[in-house]
Amino acid sequence: MTRFLLILSLASLACSLPNLVAENRPLAAESGQTPTEKPVPTADILTVIVTANKALNVRTGPAVKFPTISYLLSGWRVEIVSECVGGWVKIEYSGMTGWVNADYLSGSICDE
């Protein structure tokens, strides 16, 4: 629990420093519709590493128009729990789920 609170405290600090947050590219078709996600089968869940230079926004949906709910720091390991949607993937980290831009994760996750 203490670790989780520390992570939330760091996220709050990162929120107050706009230049600390990695930029995310918008979803190609910003039509106002939310693309449907396709879950990754449990046997195929992939663990990747955050490669953003400073911090990576975790959002409620697969585009920059969705609110930021947390941040991940470079080097942290996360699990991908959905297939790529317009360059974004749904991740899980310490019981939290959200969407991140796949460009800031290790490996070639989105082959678009």
Protein backbone atom coordinates (compact mmCIF):
# COMPACT_ATOMS: atom_id res chain seq x y z
CA MET A 1 0.00 0.00 0.00
CA THR A 2 2.87 2.36 0.86
CA ARG A 3 4.43 1.70 -2.56
CA PHE A 4 1.13 2.52 -4.28
CA LEU A 5 0.82 5.79 -2.33
CA LEU A 6 4.40 6.68 -3.25
CA ILE A 7 3.62 6.06 -6.92
CA LEU A 8 0.52 8.26 -6.67
CA SER A 9 2.58 10.99 -5.00
CA LEU A 10 5.16 10.84 -7.79
CA ALA A 11 2.36 10.97 -10.34
CA SER A 12 0.97 14.10 -8.70
CA LEU A 13 4.40 15.69 -8.79
CA ALA A 14 4.80 14.80 -12.46
CA CYS A 15 1.39 16.33 -13.15
CA SER A 16 2.59 19.67 -11.84
CA LEU A 17 5.59 19.67 -14.19
CA PRO A 18 4.21 19.91 -17.76
CA ASN A 19 7.61 19.44 -19.41
CA LEU A 20 8.05 16.13 -17.61
CA VAL A 21 5.22 14.40 -19.46
CA ALA A 22 5.97 12.57 -22.71
CA GLU A 23 3.92 13.69 -25.67
CA ASN A 24 1.38 11.29 -27.12
CA ARG A 25 0.23 11.36 -30.71
CA PRO A 26 -3.53 11.58 -31.30
CA LEU A 27 -5.66 8.78 -32.67
CA ALA A 28 -5.70 9.00 -36.47
CA ALA A 29 -9.47 9.28 -36.79
CA GLU A 30 -10.68 11.74 -34.15
CA SER A 31 -14.31 11.26 -35.09
CA GLY A 32 -15.54 11.40 -31.51
CA GLN A 33 -16.14 7.64 -31.50
CA THR A 34 -14.20 5.38 -29.19
CA PRO A 35 -12.61 2.48 -31.09
CA THR A 36 -13.48 -0.94 -29.75
CA GLU A 37 -10.67 -2.72 -27.99
CA LYS A 38 -9.89 -6.37 -28.55
CA PRO A 39 -8.51 -8.05 -25.41
CA VAL A 40 -5.30 -10.02 -25.68
CA PRO A 41 -5.82 -13.70 -24.78
CA THR A 42 -4.48 -14.40 -21.28
CA ALA A 43 -1.83 -16.78 -22.61
CA ASP A 44 -0.53 -14.02 -24.90
CA ILE A 45 -0.26 -11.17 -22.36
CA LEU A 46 2.96 -9.35 -23.08
CA THR A 47 5.17 -7.62 -20.52
CA VAL A 48 7.01 -4.60 -21.92
CA ILE A 49 9.17 -1.78 -20.55
CA VAL A 50 8.34 1.93 -20.63
CA THR A 51 10.94 3.69 -22.81
CA ALA A 52 9.71 7.30 -22.53
CA ASN A 53 12.55 9.71 -21.76
CA LYS A 54 10.82 11.11 -18.66
CA ALA A 55 7.23 10.05 -18.00
CA LEU A 56 4.40 8.49 -19.99
CA ASN A 57 0.76 9.54 -19.68
CA VAL A 58 -1.73 6.80 -18.82
CA ARG A 59 -5.16 7.78 -20.16
CA THR A 60 -8.74 6.56 -19.84
CA GLY A 61 -8.97 5.88 -23.59
CA PRO A 62 -6.84 5.44 -26.72
CA ALA A 63 -6.21 9.09 -27.70
CA VAL A 64 -4.87 12.35 -26.26
CA LYS A 65 -8.43 13.63 -25.93
CA PHE A 66 -8.99 11.25 -23.00
CA PRO A 67 -8.08 12.41 -19.48
CA THR A 68 -4.73 11.44 -17.97
CA ILE A 69 -5.18 9.22 -14.92
CA SER A 70 -1.57 8.49 -14.03
CA TYR A 71 2.02 8.45 -15.26
CA LEU A 72 4.61 5.75 -15.78
CA LEU A 73 8.34 6.30 -15.53
CA SER A 74 11.02 5.01 -17.86
CA GLY A 75 12.11 1.48 -17.03
CA TRP A 76 8.85 0.36 -15.41
CA ARG A 77 7.42 -2.95 -16.61
CA VAL A 78 3.76 -3.08 -17.67
CA GLU A 79 1.47 -5.74 -19.10
CA ILE A 80 -0.39 -5.16 -22.34
CA VAL A 81 -4.01 -6.33 -22.00
CA SER A 82 -5.49 -5.35 -25.39
CA GLU A 83 -4.47 -5.30 -29.01
CA CYS A 84 -3.25 -2.10 -30.62
CA VAL A 85 -5.91 0.55 -31.37
CA GLY A 86 -4.58 3.36 -33.55
CA GLY A 87 -1.11 3.20 -32.01
CA TRP A 88 -2.40 2.86 -28.43
CA VAL A 89 -2.54 -0.17 -26.12
CA LYS A 90 -4.36 -0.85 -22.88
CA ILE A 91 -1.94 -1.69 -20.09
CA GLU A 92 -2.07 -2.92 -16.52
CA TYR A 93 0.35 -1.86 -13.82
CA SER A 94 -0.01 -2.44 -10.06
CA GLY A 95 -3.74 -3.10 -10.35
CA MET A 96 -4.32 0.02 -12.49
CA THR A 97 -5.45 -0.18 -16.11
CA GLY A 98 -5.30 2.53 -18.74
CA TRP A 99 -4.19 3.41 -22.26
CA VAL A 100 -0.69 4.46 -23.37
CA ASN A 101 0.92 5.33 -26.67
CA ALA A 102 2.75 2.22 -27.90
CA ASP A 103 5.62 4.34 -29.29
CA TYR A 104 6.88 4.72 -25.71
CA LEU A 105 7.03 0.99 -24.94
CA SER A 106 9.75 -1.54 -25.76
CA GLY A 107 9.29 -3.77 -28.80
CA SER A 108 7.22 -3.41 -31.95
CA ILE A 109 3.77 -3.67 -30.46
CA CYS A 110 1.74 -1.94 -33.16
CA ASP A 111 2.55 -2.90 -36.73
CA GLU A 112 0.48 -0.12 -38.31
